[in-house]
Amino acid sequence: MKAHDSSERKRCVNRIDGVDGEVDELLAIYDPEGNPIGTKRRAEVHRDGDLHWVSFLLAARLDPAGGRRFLLQLRGRAGDPYRGQVDCLAGGHIAADESEREAIVRECREEAGVELDPRTLIYLGKRYLDNPGGVCRRVIDHFYLADRPILLEETAFTPEAEGFVEVDLDEFGELAAGRRPGIAGLARTREHGSAIHPLQITRGHLSAYTEPALKNFRRSVRAIGVYFDSGKVDESIWS
């Protein structure tokens, strides 16, 4: 899969006027070799199953005792088919005029209220997702790790997120693999304001995802673990 030249993507138009003054995101679409072949509206890309790109931000840290903590978003946008599910701290489509890094910095700001430096993000790799049961049926997912600890207290409620929860990284991997019915977390939710409170995360918080998407959660946990253990990136995890 070829890398896409961000300078070429920047020549594309990102947004066009939609109905009643709204804007409609334009996405770059690709051939099977990863070459850009044009742009289409986001809804049309999903309707037609075109190959497109998405970026995800993984946020993890070591606590003072050496435990691995994983920060997740509780999705909350009205009309979101995954509302109420947990997800990576931030993620979303790469617009036609953005690089992968620019997209994830924008998504983190919009979804979690957290500012990041795109130059310092750690690129963990990419994965082709053939997901016929999902909204994005053919997509290349790009995964980045925040280069610094992002604390639960830093997050801000947004229209995209109902809250945020921090869990044990390895326990989350077991939950995503179906080996645990639930795990303990600490959360900030809109319902409780700024107060941090216990929240049990169960398989129900992952129930809307297809198996290919759950595999990406499990790969994310492995990729973070390898980086914490060795300080190196193993892109073969995504193969």
C-alpha atoms as a PDB file:
ATOM      1  CA  MET A   1       0.000   0.000   0.000  1.00  0.00           C
ATOM      2  CA  LYS A   2       1.578   3.278  -1.096  1.00  0.00           C
ATOM      3  CA  ALA A   3       1.836   6.243   1.223  1.00  0.00           C
ATOM      4  CA  HIS A   4      -0.219   9.211   0.092  1.00  0.00           C
ATOM      5  CA  ASP A   5       1.665  12.466  -0.484  1.00  0.00           C
ATOM      6  CA  SER A   6       0.091  15.053   1.802  1.00  0.00           C
ATOM      7  CA  SER A   7       1.054  17.872  -0.586  1.00  0.00           C
ATOM      8  CA  GLU A   8      -1.088  16.244  -3.249  1.00  0.00           C
ATOM      9  CA  ARG A   9      -3.958  15.800  -0.835  1.00  0.00           C
ATOM     10  CA  LYS A  10      -3.746  19.478   0.153  1.00  0.00           C
ATOM     11  CA  ARG A  11      -4.602  20.456  -3.413  1.00  0.00           C
ATOM     12  CA  CYS A  12      -8.020  18.859  -2.926  1.00  0.00           C
ATOM     13  CA  VAL A  13     -11.031  20.805  -1.665  1.00  0.00           C
ATOM     14  CA  ASN A  14     -12.048  19.715   1.832  1.00  0.00           C
ATOM     15  CA  ARG A  15     -15.619  20.882   2.274  1.00  0.00           C
ATOM     16  CA  ILE A  16     -18.461  21.941   0.034  1.00  0.00           C
ATOM     17  CA  ASP A  17     -21.719  23.703   0.769  1.00  0.00           C
ATOM     18  CA  GLY A  18     -24.516  21.360   1.724  1.00  0.00           C
ATOM     19  CA  VAL A  19     -28.207  21.694   2.376  1.00  0.00           C
ATOM     20  CA  ASP A  20     -29.354  24.672   4.497  1.00  0.00           C
ATOM     21  CA  GLY A  21     -25.856  26.092   4.808  1.00  0.00           C
ATOM     22  CA  GLU A  22     -24.320  22.942   6.261  1.00  0.00           C
ATOM     23  CA  VAL A  23     -20.971  21.650   5.080  1.00  0.00           C
ATOM     24  CA  ASP A  24     -20.406  18.195   3.709  1.00  0.00           C
ATOM     25  CA  GLU A  25     -16.991  16.624   4.224  1.00  0.00           C
ATOM     26  CA  LEU A  26     -15.065  15.541   1.182  1.00  0.00           C
ATOM     27  CA  LEU A  27     -12.871  12.460   1.489  1.00  0.00           C
ATOM     28  CA  ALA A  28     -10.108  11.230  -0.775  1.00  0.00           C
ATOM     29  CA  ILE A  29     -10.788   7.779  -2.225  1.00  0.00           C
ATOM     30  CA  TYR A  30      -8.162   5.247  -3.312  1.00  0.00           C
ATOM     31  CA  ASP A  31      -7.566   2.337  -5.654  1.00  0.00           C
ATOM     32  CA  PRO A  32      -6.412  -1.036  -4.251  1.00  0.00           C
ATOM     33  CA  GLU A  33      -2.755   0.063  -4.532  1.00  0.00           C
ATOM     34  CA  GLY A  34      -3.322   3.102  -2.348  1.00  0.00           C
ATOM     35  CA  ASN A  35      -3.272   5.662  -5.154  1.00  0.00           C
ATOM     36  CA  PRO A  36      -5.719   8.587  -4.791  1.00  0.00           C
ATOM     37  CA  ILE A  37      -8.349   8.476  -7.515  1.00  0.00           C
ATOM     38  CA  GLY A  38     -10.598  11.386  -6.570  1.00  0.00           C
ATOM     39  CA  THR A  39     -12.825  12.793  -3.874  1.00  0.00           C
ATOM     40  CA  LYS A  40     -16.418  12.125  -2.863  1.00  0.00           C
ATOM     41  CA  ARG A  41     -18.828  13.212  -0.185  1.00  0.00           C
ATOM     42  CA  ARG A  42     -18.522  11.206   3.005  1.00  0.00           C
ATOM     43  CA  ALA A  43     -22.056   9.801   2.768  1.00  0.00           C
ATOM     44  CA  GLU A  44     -21.421   8.709  -0.814  1.00  0.00           C
ATOM     45  CA  VAL A  45     -18.162   7.012   0.169  1.00  0.00           C
ATOM     46  CA  HIS A  46     -19.988   4.997   2.823  1.00  0.00           C
ATOM     47  CA  ARG A  47     -22.879   4.233   0.492  1.00  0.00           C
ATOM     48  CA  ASP A  48     -20.612   3.004  -2.294  1.00  0.00           C
ATOM     49  CA  GLY A  49     -18.067   1.200  -0.125  1.00  0.00           C
ATOM     50  CA  ASP A  50     -15.125   3.196  -1.499  1.00  0.00           C
ATOM     51  CA  LEU A  51     -11.673   2.685  -0.006  1.00  0.00           C
ATOM     52  CA  HIS A  52     -10.793   5.659   2.216  1.00  0.00           C
ATOM     53  CA  TRP A  53      -8.592   6.534   5.190  1.00  0.00           C
ATOM     54  CA  VAL A  54      -9.241   7.001   8.905  1.00  0.00           C
ATOM     55  CA  SER A  55      -6.898   8.026  11.762  1.00  0.00           C
ATOM     56  CA  PHE A  56      -7.103   6.902  15.398  1.00  0.00           C
ATOM     57  CA  LEU A  57      -5.342   8.259  18.484  1.00  0.00           C
ATOM     58  CA  LEU A  58      -4.387   5.772  21.193  1.00  0.00           C
ATOM     59  CA  ALA A  59      -3.741   7.375  24.587  1.00  0.00           C
ATOM     60  CA  ALA A  60      -1.954   5.290  27.213  1.00  0.00           C
ATOM     61  CA  ARG A  61       0.359   5.939  30.137  1.00  0.00           C
ATOM     62  CA  LEU A  62       2.259   4.224  32.933  1.00  0.00           C
ATOM     63  CA  ASP A  63       0.959   5.005  36.407  1.00  0.00           C
ATOM     64  CA  PRO A  64       3.352   5.477  39.379  1.00  0.00           C
ATOM     65  CA  ALA A  65       3.131   1.772  40.184  1.00  0.00           C
ATOM     66  CA  GLY A  66       4.030   0.784  36.617  1.00  0.00           C
ATOM     67  CA  GLY A  67       0.486  -0.133  35.622  1.00  0.00           C
ATOM     68  CA  ARG A  68      -0.561   0.459  32.034  1.00  0.00           C
ATOM     69  CA  ARG A  69      -3.543   2.751  31.766  1.00  0.00           C
ATOM     70  CA  PHE A  70      -5.643   3.229  28.623  1.00  0.00           C
ATOM     71  CA  LEU A  71      -7.801   6.328  28.090  1.00  0.00           C
ATOM     72  CA  LEU A  72     -11.006   5.852  26.102  1.00  0.00           C
ATOM     73  CA  GLN A  73     -13.876   7.961  24.859  1.00  0.00           C
ATOM     74  CA  LEU A  74     -17.519   7.243  25.649  1.00  0.00           C
ATOM     75  CA  ARG A  75     -19.230   8.110  22.383  1.00  0.00           C
ATOM     76  CA  GLY A  76     -22.199  10.407  22.772  1.00  0.00           C
ATOM     77  CA  ARG A  77     -23.118  12.232  19.563  1.00  0.00           C
ATOM     78  CA  ALA A  78     -26.833  12.163  18.769  1.00  0.00           C
ATOM     79  CA  GLY A  79     -27.452   9.864  15.821  1.00  0.00           C
ATOM     80  CA  ASP A  80     -24.122   8.050  16.199  1.00  0.00           C
ATOM     81  CA  PRO A  81     -24.737   4.310  15.634  1.00  0.00           C
ATOM     82  CA  TYR A  82     -22.024   3.672  18.240  1.00  0.00           C
ATOM     83  CA  ARG A  83     -23.434   6.013  20.871  1.00  0.00           C
ATOM     84  CA  GLY A  84     -22.765   4.653  24.359  1.00  0.00           C
ATOM     85  CA  GLN A  85     -19.833   2.545  23.183  1.00  0.00           C
ATOM     86  CA  VAL A  86     -16.215   3.040  24.219  1.00  0.00           C
ATOM     87  CA  ASP A  87     -13.685   3.974  21.576  1.00  0.00           C
ATOM     88  CA  CYS A  88     -10.156   5.277  21.167  1.00  0.00           C
ATOM     89  CA  LEU A  89      -9.672   8.712  22.687  1.00  0.00           C
ATOM     90  CA  ALA A  90     -10.136  10.266  19.251  1.00  0.00           C
ATOM     91  CA  GLY A  91     -10.531   9.151  15.688  1.00  0.00           C
ATOM     92  CA  GLY A  92     -12.169  10.003  12.431  1.00  0.00           C
ATOM     93  CA  HIS A  93     -12.021  10.371   8.696  1.00  0.00           C
ATOM     94  CA  ILE A  94      -9.081  12.021   7.011  1.00  0.00           C
ATOM     95  CA  ALA A  95     -10.463  14.856   4.903  1.00  0.00           C
ATOM     96  CA  ALA A  96      -9.304  15.313   1.339  1.00  0.00           C
ATOM     97  CA  ASP A  97      -6.969  18.207   2.199  1.00  0.00           C
ATOM     98  CA  GLU A  98      -5.427  16.700   5.367  1.00  0.00           C
ATOM     99  CA  SER A  99      -2.518  14.469   6.227  1.00  0.00           C
ATOM    100  CA  GLU A 100      -3.082  11.608   8.648  1.00  0.00           C
ATOM    101  CA  ARG A 101      -1.343  13.553  11.435  1.00  0.00           C
ATOM    102  CA  GLU A 102      -3.317  16.721  10.807  1.00  0.00           C
ATOM    103  CA  ALA A 103      -6.533  14.733  10.920  1.00  0.00           C
ATOM    104  CA  ILE A 104      -5.840  13.111  14.271  1.00  0.00           C
ATOM    105  CA  VAL A 105      -4.767  16.399  15.865  1.00  0.00           C
ATOM    106  CA  ARG A 106      -8.019  17.977  14.683  1.00  0.00           C
ATOM    107  CA  GLU A 107     -10.093  15.007  15.854  1.00  0.00           C
ATOM    108  CA  CYS A 108      -8.468  15.031  19.295  1.00  0.00           C
ATOM    109  CA  ARG A 109      -9.254  18.718  19.664  1.00  0.00           C
ATOM    110  CA  GLU A 110     -12.843  18.297  18.484  1.00  0.00           C
ATOM    111  CA  GLU A 111     -13.649  15.100  20.372  1.00  0.00           C
ATOM    112  CA  ALA A 112     -11.619  15.353  23.589  1.00  0.00           C
ATOM    113  CA  GLY A 113     -10.619  19.022  23.886  1.00  0.00           C
ATOM    114  CA  VAL A 114      -6.936  18.035  23.995  1.00  0.00           C
ATOM    115  CA  GLU A 115      -4.223  19.761  21.939  1.00  0.00           C
ATOM    116  CA  LEU A 116      -1.396  17.684  20.468  1.00  0.00           C
ATOM    117  CA  ASP A 117       1.753  18.443  18.507  1.00  0.00           C
ATOM    118  CA  PRO A 118       1.510  16.488  15.237  1.00  0.00           C
ATOM    119  CA  ARG A 119       5.307  16.284  14.967  1.00  0.00           C
ATOM    120  CA  THR A 120       5.639  14.231  18.143  1.00  0.00           C
ATOM    121  CA  LEU A 121       2.930  11.624  17.609  1.00  0.00           C
ATOM    122  CA  ILE A 122       4.182   8.039  17.415  1.00  0.00           C
ATOM    123  CA  TYR A 123       3.011   6.236  14.280  1.00  0.00           C
ATOM    124  CA  LEU A 124       2.195   2.623  15.157  1.00  0.00           C
ATOM    125  CA  GLY A 125       1.119   1.448  11.717  1.00  0.00           C
ATOM    126  CA  LYS A 126      -1.858   0.956   9.449  1.00  0.00           C
ATOM    127  CA  ARG A 127      -4.399  -1.768   8.824  1.00  0.00           C
ATOM    128  CA  TYR A 128      -6.716  -2.489   5.907  1.00  0.00           C
ATOM    129  CA  LEU A 129     -10.178  -3.122   7.341  1.00  0.00           C
ATOM    130  CA  ASP A 130     -12.649  -5.117   5.282  1.00  0.00           C
ATOM    131  CA  ASN A 131     -15.737  -4.543   7.374  1.00  0.00           C
ATOM    132  CA  PRO A 132     -18.902  -5.325   5.379  1.00  0.00           C
ATOM    133  CA  GLY A 133     -21.113  -5.002   8.447  1.00  0.00           C
ATOM    134  CA  GLY A 134     -19.831  -1.567   9.449  1.00  0.00           C
ATOM    135  CA  VAL A 135     -20.403   2.005   8.342  1.00  0.00           C
ATOM    136  CA  CYS A 136     -16.913   2.150   6.817  1.00  0.00           C
ATOM    137  CA  ARG A 137     -16.827  -1.002   4.724  1.00  0.00           C
ATOM    138  CA  ARG A 138     -13.391  -0.593   3.083  1.00  0.00           C
ATOM    139  CA  VAL A 139     -10.905   1.555   4.941  1.00  0.00           C
ATOM    140  CA  ILE A 140      -7.240   1.971   5.793  1.00  0.00           C
ATOM    141  CA  ASP A 141      -6.980   2.710   9.522  1.00  0.00           C
ATOM    142  CA  HIS A 142      -3.897   4.648  10.667  1.00  0.00           C
ATOM    143  CA  PHE A 143      -2.952   4.345  14.345  1.00  0.00           C
ATOM    144  CA  TYR A 144      -1.027   6.915  16.368  1.00  0.00           C
ATOM    145  CA  LEU A 145       0.089   6.842  19.988  1.00  0.00           C
ATOM    146  CA  ALA A 146       0.134  10.076  21.981  1.00  0.00           C
ATOM    147  CA  ASP A 147       3.753  10.826  22.874  1.00  0.00           C
ATOM    148  CA  ARG A 148       2.847  12.062  26.352  1.00  0.00           C
ATOM    149  CA  PRO A 149       0.468  10.937  29.092  1.00  0.00           C
ATOM    150  CA  ILE A 150      -3.001  12.426  28.653  1.00  0.00           C
ATOM    151  CA  LEU A 151      -4.759  12.554  31.993  1.00  0.00           C
ATOM    152  CA  LEU A 152      -8.457  12.016  32.526  1.00  0.00           C
ATOM    153  CA  GLU A 153      -8.642  15.513  34.027  1.00  0.00           C
ATOM    154  CA  GLU A 154      -7.429  17.072  30.745  1.00  0.00           C
ATOM    155  CA  THR A 155     -10.394  15.909  28.716  1.00  0.00           C
ATOM    156  CA  ALA A 156     -13.324  18.180  27.915  1.00  0.00           C
ATOM    157  CA  PHE A 157     -16.896  17.224  27.134  1.00  0.00           C
ATOM    158  CA  THR A 158     -17.771  17.804  23.483  1.00  0.00           C
ATOM    159  CA  PRO A 159     -20.739  17.071  21.213  1.00  0.00           C
ATOM    160  CA  GLU A 160     -18.897  13.898  20.149  1.00  0.00           C
ATOM    161  CA  ALA A 161     -18.166  12.473  23.588  1.00  0.00           C
ATOM    162  CA  GLU A 162     -20.434  11.820  26.555  1.00  0.00           C
ATOM    163  CA  GLY A 163     -17.412  11.198  28.734  1.00  0.00           C
ATOM    164  CA  PHE A 164     -14.034   9.531  29.116  1.00  0.00           C
ATOM    165  CA  VAL A 165     -12.873   6.484  31.032  1.00  0.00           C
ATOM    166  CA  GLU A 166      -9.449   5.153  31.993  1.00  0.00           C
ATOM    167  CA  VAL A 167      -8.965   1.405  32.331  1.00  0.00           C
ATOM    168  CA  ASP A 168      -6.143  -1.083  32.684  1.00  0.00           C
ATOM    169  CA  LEU A 169      -4.677  -1.655  29.211  1.00  0.00           C
ATOM    170  CA  ASP A 170      -4.276  -5.419  29.443  1.00  0.00           C
ATOM    171  CA  GLU A 171      -7.679  -5.898  31.057  1.00  0.00           C
ATOM    172  CA  PHE A 172      -9.241  -3.991  28.163  1.00  0.00           C
ATOM    173  CA  GLY A 173      -7.530  -6.345  25.738  1.00  0.00           C
ATOM    174  CA  GLU A 174      -9.088  -9.294  27.569  1.00  0.00           C
ATOM    175  CA  LEU A 175     -12.490  -7.596  27.490  1.00  0.00           C
ATOM    176  CA  ALA A 176     -12.207  -7.047  23.724  1.00  0.00           C
ATOM    177  CA  ALA A 177     -11.234 -10.707  23.345  1.00  0.00           C
ATOM    178  CA  GLY A 178     -14.316 -11.847  25.263  1.00  0.00           C
ATOM    179  CA  ARG A 179     -12.305 -13.275  28.168  1.00  0.00           C
ATOM    180  CA  ARG A 180     -13.791 -10.891  30.749  1.00  0.00           C
ATOM    181  CA  PRO A 181     -17.418  -9.827  31.226  1.00  0.00           C
ATOM    182  CA  GLY A 182     -16.377  -6.448  32.597  1.00  0.00           C
ATOM    183  CA  ILE A 183     -13.503  -4.369  33.943  1.00  0.00           C
ATOM    184  CA  ALA A 184     -13.232  -1.514  36.435  1.00  0.00           C
ATOM    185  CA  GLY A 185     -12.582   2.002  35.197  1.00  0.00           C
ATOM    186  CA  LEU A 186     -12.391   5.576  36.407  1.00  0.00           C
ATOM    187  CA  ALA A 187     -14.524   8.002  34.447  1.00  0.00           C
ATOM    188  CA  ARG A 188     -15.550  11.589  33.877  1.00  0.00           C
ATOM    189  CA  THR A 189     -19.041  11.749  32.391  1.00  0.00           C
ATOM    190  CA  ARG A 190     -21.341  14.594  31.533  1.00  0.00           C
ATOM    191  CA  GLU A 191     -23.873  13.234  34.019  1.00  0.00           C
ATOM    192  CA  HIS A 192     -21.400  13.616  36.891  1.00  0.00           C
ATOM    193  CA  GLY A 193     -19.783  16.862  35.756  1.00  0.00           C
ATOM    194  CA  SER A 194     -16.082  17.117  36.518  1.00  0.00           C
ATOM    195  CA  ALA A 195     -16.134  14.498  39.307  1.00  0.00           C
ATOM    196  CA  ILE A 196     -14.089  11.365  38.652  1.00  0.00           C
ATOM    197  CA  HIS A 197     -16.060   8.277  39.589  1.00  0.00           C
ATOM    198  CA  PRO A 198     -15.890   4.481  39.200  1.00  0.00           C
ATOM    199  CA  LEU A 199     -17.447   3.039  36.066  1.00  0.00           C
ATOM    200  CA  GLN A 200     -17.719  -0.624  35.112  1.00  0.00           C
ATOM    201  CA  ILE A 201     -16.962  -1.205  31.428  1.00  0.00           C
ATOM    202  CA  THR A 202     -18.649  -4.329  30.102  1.00  0.00           C
ATOM    203  CA  ARG A 203     -18.953  -6.220  26.843  1.00  0.00           C
ATOM    204  CA  GLY A 204     -22.045  -4.117  26.268  1.00  0.00           C
ATOM    205  CA  HIS A 205     -19.788  -1.113  25.742  1.00  0.00           C
ATOM    206  CA  LEU A 206     -18.337  -2.954  22.721  1.00  0.00           C
ATOM    207  CA  SER A 207     -21.472  -4.677  21.481  1.00  0.00           C
ATOM    208  CA  ALA A 208     -22.047  -2.470  18.411  1.00  0.00           C
ATOM    209  CA  TYR A 209     -18.660  -3.277  16.881  1.00  0.00           C
ATOM    210  CA  THR A 210     -18.104  -5.983  14.309  1.00  0.00           C
ATOM    211  CA  GLU A 211     -15.433  -8.629  14.853  1.00  0.00           C
ATOM    212  CA  PRO A 212     -12.956  -6.918  12.457  1.00  0.00           C
ATOM    213  CA  ALA A 213     -13.247  -3.744  14.538  1.00  0.00           C
ATOM    214  CA  LEU A 214     -12.762  -5.692  17.785  1.00  0.00           C
ATOM    215  CA  LYS A 215      -9.601  -7.219  16.312  1.00  0.00           C
ATOM    216  CA  ASN A 216      -8.268  -3.710  15.797  1.00  0.00           C
ATOM    217  CA  PHE A 217      -8.901  -2.959  19.473  1.00  0.00           C
ATOM    218  CA  ARG A 218      -6.910  -6.064  20.390  1.00  0.00           C
ATOM    219  CA  ARG A 219      -4.097  -5.138  17.999  1.00  0.00           C
ATOM    220  CA  SER A 220      -4.023  -1.647  19.496  1.00  0.00           C
ATOM    221  CA  VAL A 221      -3.465  -3.097  22.962  1.00  0.00           C
ATOM    222  CA  ARG A 222      -0.628  -5.283  21.646  1.00  0.00           C
ATOM    223  CA  ALA A 223       1.000  -2.399  19.764  1.00  0.00           C
ATOM    224  CA  ILE A 224       0.973  -0.176  22.846  1.00  0.00           C
ATOM    225  CA  GLY A 225       2.356  -3.001  25.011  1.00  0.00           C
ATOM    226  CA  VAL A 226       5.251  -3.622  22.623  1.00  0.00           C
ATOM    227  CA  TYR A 227       6.093   0.069  22.563  1.00  0.00           C
ATOM    228  CA  PHE A 228       6.012   0.333  26.355  1.00  0.00           C
ATOM    229  CA  ASP A 229       8.183  -2.783  26.714  1.00  0.00           C
ATOM    230  CA  SER A 230      10.781  -2.011  24.057  1.00  0.00           C
ATOM    231  CA  GLY A 231      10.450   1.621  23.029  1.00  0.00           C
ATOM    232  CA  LYS A 232      10.040   0.340  19.470  1.00  0.00           C
ATOM    233  CA  VAL A 233       7.175   0.100  16.997  1.00  0.00           C
ATOM    234  CA  ASP A 234       6.224  -3.271  15.537  1.00  0.00           C
ATOM    235  CA  GLU A 235       4.123  -2.600  12.450  1.00  0.00           C
ATOM    236  CA  SER A 236       3.792  -6.330  11.789  1.00  0.00           C
ATOM    237  CA  ILE A 237       1.092  -6.395  14.499  1.00  0.00           C
ATOM    238  CA  TRP A 238      -1.278  -4.878  11.931  1.00  0.00           C
ATOM    239  CA  SER A 239      -0.568  -7.492   9.236  1.00  0.00           C
END
